[in-house]
Amino acid sequence: MIINMMDSIVVLLRGVPGSGKSSWIKDQHLDDYTISLDKIRLMLSNPVKTQQGYYEINQAVSEKAWQLAYECLKSRMDNGGITFFDATFMNAYLINYVKNLAADFGYTILIIDFTSVGLAEAKRRNQLRRGTIRYVPEHVLDEMWQEGATMTFEGISRIDYREVEAIIGF
């Protein structure tokens, strides 16, 4: 699939932590076109120390981070062009909220799906993050995977990340 950067599309990157979403954004040189929930969390709060003694991204600011992410998305859609949204999107509520918001602005949704990486591989990659703020407790990956397994994508185009051949229009 070829993605044109001038199209009115919100591209949701879907997958558990460790599936490669943020790395894909970096490899495709799309940082300037991306809303990253983790980056917003880090703007709102320094990493926090856990009871286990390591540091992690502060999840306590997630509600405010989502509010800001949605405001950023509205502004981007108001100004035109594509936006990539780097979050897990492993629950239907979040996808449907963005779908409805996009419809209000005349945008379409495309999901680039990273679930084909598989839970075992995402867990392996996550273990490589141990000791960094990007590490996520394994039970969180299990819960996200379970919830995401039952999702349907009515009216939303979805493509595996390996099928994105080119991004044009810079």
Protein backbone atom coordinates (compact mmCIF):
# COMPACT_ATOMS: atom_id res chain seq x y z
CA MET A 1 0.00 0.00 0.00
CA ILE A 2 1.16 3.50 -0.79
CA ILE A 3 0.19 6.28 1.61
CA ASN A 4 0.00 9.83 0.29
CA MET A 5 0.96 12.41 2.88
CA MET A 6 -1.51 14.94 1.47
CA ASP A 7 -4.55 12.73 2.04
CA SER A 8 -7.03 13.42 4.83
CA ILE A 9 -6.24 10.29 6.81
CA VAL A 10 -5.66 9.49 10.45
CA VAL A 11 -3.37 6.48 10.59
CA LEU A 12 -3.67 4.54 13.83
CA LEU A 13 -0.73 2.32 14.71
CA ARG A 14 -2.16 -0.68 16.53
CA GLY A 15 -0.23 -3.19 18.62
CA VAL A 16 0.97 -4.01 22.11
CA PRO A 17 4.09 -2.36 23.51
CA GLY A 18 7.16 -3.92 21.91
CA SER A 19 5.45 -4.67 18.59
CA GLY A 20 7.49 -2.03 16.75
CA LYS A 21 5.12 0.91 16.25
CA SER A 22 7.44 3.68 17.43
CA SER A 23 10.45 2.09 15.72
CA TRP A 24 8.48 1.96 12.47
CA ILE A 25 7.61 5.67 12.79
CA LYS A 26 11.29 6.46 13.33
CA ASP A 27 12.44 4.23 10.45
CA GLN A 28 9.92 5.87 8.11
CA HIS A 29 11.03 9.38 9.23
CA LEU A 30 7.48 10.24 10.30
CA ASP A 31 8.10 11.81 13.72
CA ASP A 32 6.95 15.23 12.52
CA TYR A 33 3.67 13.72 11.31
CA THR A 34 2.98 11.73 14.45
CA ILE A 35 1.10 12.19 17.70
CA SER A 36 2.76 9.93 20.27
CA LEU A 37 0.91 9.23 23.48
CA ASP A 38 4.11 8.28 25.31
CA LYS A 39 5.79 11.54 24.27
CA ILE A 40 2.83 13.49 25.61
CA ARG A 41 2.97 11.53 28.88
CA LEU A 42 6.66 12.44 29.14
CA MET A 43 5.83 16.11 28.52
CA LEU A 44 3.35 16.00 31.40
CA SER A 45 5.51 14.13 33.89
CA ASN A 46 9.01 12.90 34.45
CA PRO A 47 9.40 9.12 34.61
CA VAL A 48 8.42 7.75 38.02
CA LYS A 49 10.16 5.17 40.17
CA THR A 50 8.22 1.94 40.71
CA GLN A 51 8.13 -0.18 43.86
CA GLN A 52 10.49 -2.58 42.07
CA GLY A 53 13.05 0.22 41.83
CA TYR A 54 13.02 0.94 38.09
CA TYR A 55 11.68 3.99 36.29
CA GLU A 56 8.72 3.99 33.94
CA ILE A 57 6.54 6.41 32.01
CA ASN A 58 3.99 7.82 34.44
CA GLN A 59 0.65 6.21 33.60
CA ALA A 60 -1.12 8.41 36.14
CA VAL A 61 -1.11 11.23 33.56
CA SER A 62 -2.74 9.08 30.85
CA GLU A 63 -6.16 10.70 31.03
CA LYS A 64 -4.68 14.17 30.54
CA ALA A 65 -2.36 12.81 27.82
CA TRP A 66 -5.34 11.41 25.88
CA GLN A 67 -7.19 14.73 26.21
CA LEU A 68 -4.18 16.58 24.82
CA ALA A 69 -3.67 14.01 22.08
CA TYR A 70 -7.27 14.44 20.94
CA GLU A 71 -6.88 18.24 20.95
CA CYS A 72 -3.72 17.88 18.86
CA LEU A 73 -5.53 15.55 16.48
CA LYS A 74 -8.42 17.99 16.07
CA SER A 75 -5.98 20.80 15.31
CA ARG A 76 -4.10 18.68 12.77
CA MET A 77 -7.31 17.66 11.02
CA ASP A 78 -8.46 21.29 11.01
CA ASN A 79 -5.19 22.20 9.27
CA GLY A 80 -5.28 19.33 6.76
CA GLY A 81 -3.01 16.46 5.79
CA ILE A 82 -2.19 13.12 7.26
CA THR A 83 -1.56 12.32 10.91
CA PHE A 84 -0.06 9.15 12.34
CA PHE A 85 -1.20 8.30 15.87
CA ASP A 86 1.24 6.17 17.89
CA ALA A 87 -0.62 4.43 20.71
CA THR A 88 -1.62 0.82 21.31
CA PHE A 89 -5.24 1.08 20.10
CA MET A 90 -5.92 -2.38 21.48
CA ASN A 91 -9.43 -1.50 22.63
CA ALA A 92 -12.48 -0.66 20.55
CA TYR A 93 -13.46 2.43 22.54
CA LEU A 94 -10.30 4.32 21.58
CA ILE A 95 -10.55 3.40 17.90
CA ASN A 96 -14.25 4.29 17.74
CA TYR A 97 -13.64 7.62 19.46
CA VAL A 98 -11.02 8.58 16.86
CA LYS A 99 -13.23 7.20 14.06
CA ASN A 100 -16.12 9.46 15.14
CA LEU A 101 -13.84 12.46 15.58
CA ALA A 102 -12.31 11.90 12.15
CA ALA A 103 -15.76 11.67 10.56
CA ASP A 104 -16.58 15.11 11.98
CA PHE A 105 -13.61 16.51 10.03
CA GLY A 106 -14.17 14.52 6.84
CA TYR A 107 -11.19 12.27 7.52
CA THR A 108 -10.88 8.54 7.05
CA ILE A 109 -9.17 6.10 9.38
CA LEU A 110 -6.51 3.62 8.40
CA ILE A 111 -5.13 1.13 10.89
CA ILE A 112 -1.58 -0.07 10.40
CA ASP A 113 -1.64 -3.26 12.42
CA PHE A 114 1.42 -4.60 14.22
CA THR A 115 -0.32 -7.55 15.88
CA SER A 116 1.22 -9.94 13.34
CA VAL A 117 4.46 -9.52 15.31
CA GLY A 118 2.77 -11.76 17.88
CA LEU A 119 2.61 -11.60 21.63
CA ALA A 120 5.66 -13.80 22.23
CA GLU A 121 7.89 -11.60 20.06
CA ALA A 122 6.52 -8.41 21.62
CA LYS A 123 7.30 -9.86 25.06
CA ARG A 124 10.82 -10.77 23.93
CA ARG A 125 11.41 -7.23 22.67
CA ASN A 126 9.88 -5.82 25.83
CA GLN A 127 12.39 -7.80 27.91
CA LEU A 128 15.16 -6.02 26.00
CA ARG A 129 13.71 -2.78 27.36
CA ARG A 130 13.99 -3.91 30.99
CA GLY A 131 15.71 -1.21 33.00
CA THR A 132 14.45 1.57 30.69
CA ILE A 133 11.35 3.72 30.91
CA ARG A 134 9.95 1.87 27.86
CA TYR A 135 9.62 -1.47 29.71
CA VAL A 136 6.01 -2.47 30.35
CA PRO A 137 5.05 -5.13 32.91
CA GLU A 138 4.31 -8.38 31.09
CA HIS A 139 0.81 -8.74 32.54
CA VAL A 140 -0.11 -5.44 30.86
CA LEU A 141 0.85 -6.88 27.47
CA ASP A 142 -1.24 -9.98 28.22
CA GLU A 143 -4.28 -7.88 29.14
CA MET A 144 -3.97 -5.67 26.06
CA TRP A 145 -3.52 -8.68 23.79
CA GLN A 146 -6.59 -10.37 25.24
CA GLU A 147 -8.76 -7.29 24.82
CA GLY A 148 -7.48 -6.62 21.30
CA ALA A 149 -8.16 -10.20 20.18
CA THR A 150 -11.92 -9.67 20.29
CA MET A 151 -12.02 -6.44 18.31
CA THR A 152 -13.86 -5.88 15.06
CA PHE A 153 -13.05 -3.12 12.58
CA GLU A 154 -16.32 -2.35 10.87
CA GLY A 155 -15.93 0.46 8.37
CA ILE A 156 -12.19 0.89 8.99
CA SER A 157 -9.45 -0.17 6.61
CA ARG A 158 -6.74 -2.21 8.26
CA ILE A 159 -3.40 -3.25 6.83
CA ASP A 160 -0.48 -5.21 8.21
CA TYR A 161 2.58 -3.01 8.72
CA ARG A 162 4.61 -5.22 6.37
CA GLU A 163 2.28 -4.30 3.50
CA VAL A 164 3.08 -0.58 3.63
CA GLU A 165 5.45 -0.21 0.71
CA ALA A 166 5.85 3.51 0.35
CA ILE A 167 4.90 6.81 1.89
CA ILE A 168 4.95 9.62 -0.64
CA GLY A 169 4.20 13.29 -0.87
CA PHE A 170 6.85 14.99 1.25
